[in-house]
Amino acid sequence: MSKKFFVKLVTDPDVDLRKCIVGIACAAQAIKDGYDVDVFFAANGVKMLHSEFVEGINNSGDTA
């Protein structure tokens, strides 16, 4: 039986970017640790799926 991990992101990154980044970091670490990871983006959390939004975060240098 494989190890499973589920992450749900619903927080608006414009309101609490740190919470969104922590969720994604947890998912990434779980993948590294060999878990089968599902990530669900809902509500304003879907902003994190738009490459332009993520590029804007990267270019701003905002570290949450």
N, C-alpha and C. Protein backbone atom coordinates (compact mmCIF):
# COMPACT_ATOMS: atom_id res chain seq x y z
N MET A 1 0.85 -1.18 0.00
CA MET A 1 0.00 0.00 0.00
C MET A 1 0.89 1.24 0.00
N SER A 2 0.62 2.15 -0.92
CA SER A 2 1.44 3.35 -1.01
C SER A 2 1.01 4.38 0.03
N LYS A 3 1.96 5.23 0.37
CA LYS A 3 1.67 6.32 1.31
C LYS A 3 1.00 7.44 0.53
N LYS A 4 -0.06 8.00 1.09
CA LYS A 4 -0.80 9.04 0.40
C LYS A 4 -0.80 10.32 1.22
N PHE A 5 -0.85 11.46 0.50
CA PHE A 5 -0.84 12.77 1.14
C PHE A 5 -1.75 13.68 0.32
N PHE A 6 -2.61 14.43 0.99
CA PHE A 6 -3.56 15.32 0.31
C PHE A 6 -3.38 16.73 0.83
N VAL A 7 -3.27 17.70 -0.10
CA VAL A 7 -3.15 19.11 0.27
C VAL A 7 -4.27 19.86 -0.43
N LYS A 8 -4.98 20.68 0.33
CA LYS A 8 -6.05 21.51 -0.24
C LYS A 8 -5.68 22.97 -0.01
N LEU A 9 -5.62 23.74 -1.08
CA LEU A 9 -5.31 25.17 -1.00
C LEU A 9 -6.55 25.97 -1.38
N VAL A 10 -7.08 26.72 -0.42
CA VAL A 10 -8.25 27.56 -0.68
C VAL A 10 -7.98 29.02 -0.33
N THR A 11 -6.86 29.28 0.32
CA THR A 11 -6.53 30.63 0.77
C THR A 11 -6.16 31.52 -0.41
N ASP A 12 -6.61 32.75 -0.36
CA ASP A 12 -6.26 33.74 -1.38
C ASP A 12 -4.80 34.16 -1.15
N PRO A 13 -3.91 33.91 -2.10
CA PRO A 13 -2.51 34.27 -1.91
C PRO A 13 -2.29 35.77 -1.77
N ASP A 14 -3.24 36.58 -2.22
CA ASP A 14 -3.13 38.03 -2.02
C ASP A 14 -3.38 38.39 -0.55
N VAL A 15 -4.07 37.52 0.16
CA VAL A 15 -4.38 37.76 1.57
C VAL A 15 -3.34 37.12 2.49
N ASP A 16 -2.98 35.86 2.20
CA ASP A 16 -2.02 35.14 3.04
C ASP A 16 -1.11 34.27 2.17
N LEU A 17 -0.15 34.91 1.54
CA LEU A 17 0.77 34.21 0.64
C LEU A 17 1.56 33.13 1.36
N ARG A 18 1.96 33.42 2.59
CA ARG A 18 2.76 32.46 3.35
C ARG A 18 2.03 31.12 3.49
N LYS A 19 0.74 31.16 3.78
CA LYS A 19 -0.04 29.93 3.95
C LYS A 19 -0.05 29.12 2.65
N CYS A 20 -0.16 29.79 1.52
CA CYS A 20 -0.15 29.10 0.23
C CYS A 20 1.21 28.47 -0.04
N ILE A 21 2.25 29.20 0.24
CA ILE A 21 3.62 28.69 0.00
C ILE A 21 3.90 27.49 0.90
N VAL A 22 3.47 27.55 2.15
CA VAL A 22 3.68 26.43 3.07
C VAL A 22 2.95 25.19 2.56
N GLY A 23 1.73 25.36 2.06
CA GLY A 23 0.99 24.22 1.53
C GLY A 23 1.71 23.57 0.36
N ILE A 24 2.21 24.39 -0.55
CA ILE A 24 2.94 23.86 -1.70
C ILE A 24 4.25 23.21 -1.27
N ALA A 25 4.93 23.82 -0.30
CA ALA A 25 6.18 23.25 0.20
C ALA A 25 5.94 21.90 0.87
N CYS A 26 4.84 21.77 1.60
CA CYS A 26 4.50 20.49 2.24
C CYS A 26 4.25 19.42 1.18
N ALA A 27 3.54 19.79 0.12
CA ALA A 27 3.28 18.85 -0.97
C ALA A 27 4.59 18.42 -1.63
N ALA A 28 5.48 19.38 -1.87
CA ALA A 28 6.76 19.07 -2.50
C ALA A 28 7.60 18.14 -1.63
N GLN A 29 7.61 18.40 -0.32
CA GLN A 29 8.38 17.54 0.59
C GLN A 29 7.79 16.14 0.64
N ALA A 30 6.48 16.04 0.64
CA ALA A 30 5.84 14.72 0.65
C ALA A 30 6.21 13.92 -0.60
N ILE A 31 6.27 14.60 -1.74
CA ILE A 31 6.69 13.93 -2.97
C ILE A 31 8.12 13.42 -2.83
N LYS A 32 9.00 14.27 -2.29
CA LYS A 32 10.40 13.86 -2.08
C LYS A 32 10.49 12.67 -1.14
N ASP A 33 9.56 12.60 -0.18
CA ASP A 33 9.57 11.52 0.81
C ASP A 33 8.88 10.25 0.31
N GLY A 34 8.45 10.27 -0.95
CA GLY A 34 7.90 9.07 -1.55
C GLY A 34 6.39 8.90 -1.44
N TYR A 35 5.69 9.94 -1.03
CA TYR A 35 4.23 9.86 -0.93
C TYR A 35 3.59 10.06 -2.30
N ASP A 36 2.41 9.48 -2.46
CA ASP A 36 1.55 9.75 -3.61
C ASP A 36 0.73 10.97 -3.21
N VAL A 37 0.98 12.11 -3.87
CA VAL A 37 0.42 13.39 -3.42
C VAL A 37 -0.66 13.88 -4.38
N ASP A 38 -1.78 14.29 -3.79
CA ASP A 38 -2.85 14.97 -4.53
C ASP A 38 -2.95 16.38 -3.97
N VAL A 39 -3.01 17.35 -4.87
CA VAL A 39 -3.17 18.75 -4.46
C VAL A 39 -4.45 19.27 -5.10
N PHE A 40 -5.31 19.86 -4.27
CA PHE A 40 -6.59 20.39 -4.73
C PHE A 40 -6.60 21.90 -4.50
N PHE A 41 -6.80 22.65 -5.57
CA PHE A 41 -6.88 24.11 -5.49
C PHE A 41 -8.35 24.50 -5.62
N ALA A 42 -8.85 25.29 -4.68
CA ALA A 42 -10.25 25.72 -4.71
C ALA A 42 -10.34 27.20 -4.36
N ALA A 43 -11.49 27.77 -4.66
CA ALA A 43 -11.77 29.18 -4.35
C ALA A 43 -10.63 30.05 -4.89
N ASN A 44 -10.15 30.99 -4.09
CA ASN A 44 -9.09 31.89 -4.55
C ASN A 44 -7.71 31.22 -4.61
N GLY A 45 -7.60 30.01 -4.08
CA GLY A 45 -6.34 29.27 -4.16
C GLY A 45 -5.95 28.95 -5.60
N VAL A 46 -6.93 28.98 -6.51
CA VAL A 46 -6.62 28.68 -7.91
C VAL A 46 -5.69 29.72 -8.54
N LYS A 47 -5.55 30.87 -7.90
CA LYS A 47 -4.59 31.87 -8.41
C LYS A 47 -3.19 31.27 -8.50
N MET A 48 -2.88 30.32 -7.61
CA MET A 48 -1.55 29.71 -7.58
C MET A 48 -1.32 28.81 -8.80
N LEU A 49 -2.35 28.56 -9.58
CA LEU A 49 -2.21 27.75 -10.80
C LEU A 49 -1.87 28.59 -12.02
N HIS A 50 -2.00 29.89 -11.92
CA HIS A 50 -1.75 30.78 -13.05
C HIS A 50 -0.27 31.18 -13.08
N SER A 51 0.40 30.82 -14.16
CA SER A 51 1.84 31.07 -14.24
C SER A 51 2.17 32.55 -14.13
N GLU A 52 1.31 33.42 -14.66
CA GLU A 52 1.58 34.86 -14.57
C GLU A 52 1.57 35.32 -13.11
N PHE A 53 0.67 34.76 -12.32
CA PHE A 53 0.59 35.13 -10.91
C PHE A 53 1.86 34.68 -10.17
N VAL A 54 2.26 33.44 -10.41
CA VAL A 54 3.46 32.90 -9.75
C VAL A 54 4.71 33.65 -10.20
N GLU A 55 4.80 33.99 -11.48
CA GLU A 55 5.94 34.77 -11.97
C GLU A 55 5.97 36.14 -11.29
N GLY A 56 4.80 36.73 -11.07
CA GLY A 56 4.73 38.01 -10.37
C GLY A 56 5.27 37.91 -8.96
N ILE A 57 4.96 36.80 -8.29
CA ILE A 57 5.50 36.58 -6.94
C ILE A 57 7.01 36.46 -7.00
N ASN A 58 7.50 35.66 -7.95
CA ASN A 58 8.95 35.47 -8.09
C ASN A 58 9.66 36.78 -8.40
N ASN A 59 9.08 37.58 -9.27
CA ASN A 59 9.71 38.84 -9.67
C ASN A 59 9.64 39.90 -8.59
N SER A 60 8.65 39.81 -7.71
CA SER A 60 8.52 40.82 -6.66
C SER A 60 9.54 40.61 -5.55
N GLY A 61 10.04 39.38 -5.43
CA GLY A 61 10.98 39.09 -4.35
C GLY A 61 10.30 38.95 -3.01
N ASP A 62 8.97 38.92 -3.00
CA ASP A 62 8.21 38.78 -1.75
C ASP A 62 8.44 37.38 -1.19
N THR A 63 8.91 37.32 0.04
CA THR A 63 9.17 36.02 0.67
C THR A 63 8.07 35.65 1.63
N ALA A 64 6.92 36.27 1.48
CA ALA A 64 5.74 36.00 2.32
C ALA A 64 6.05 36.46 3.69
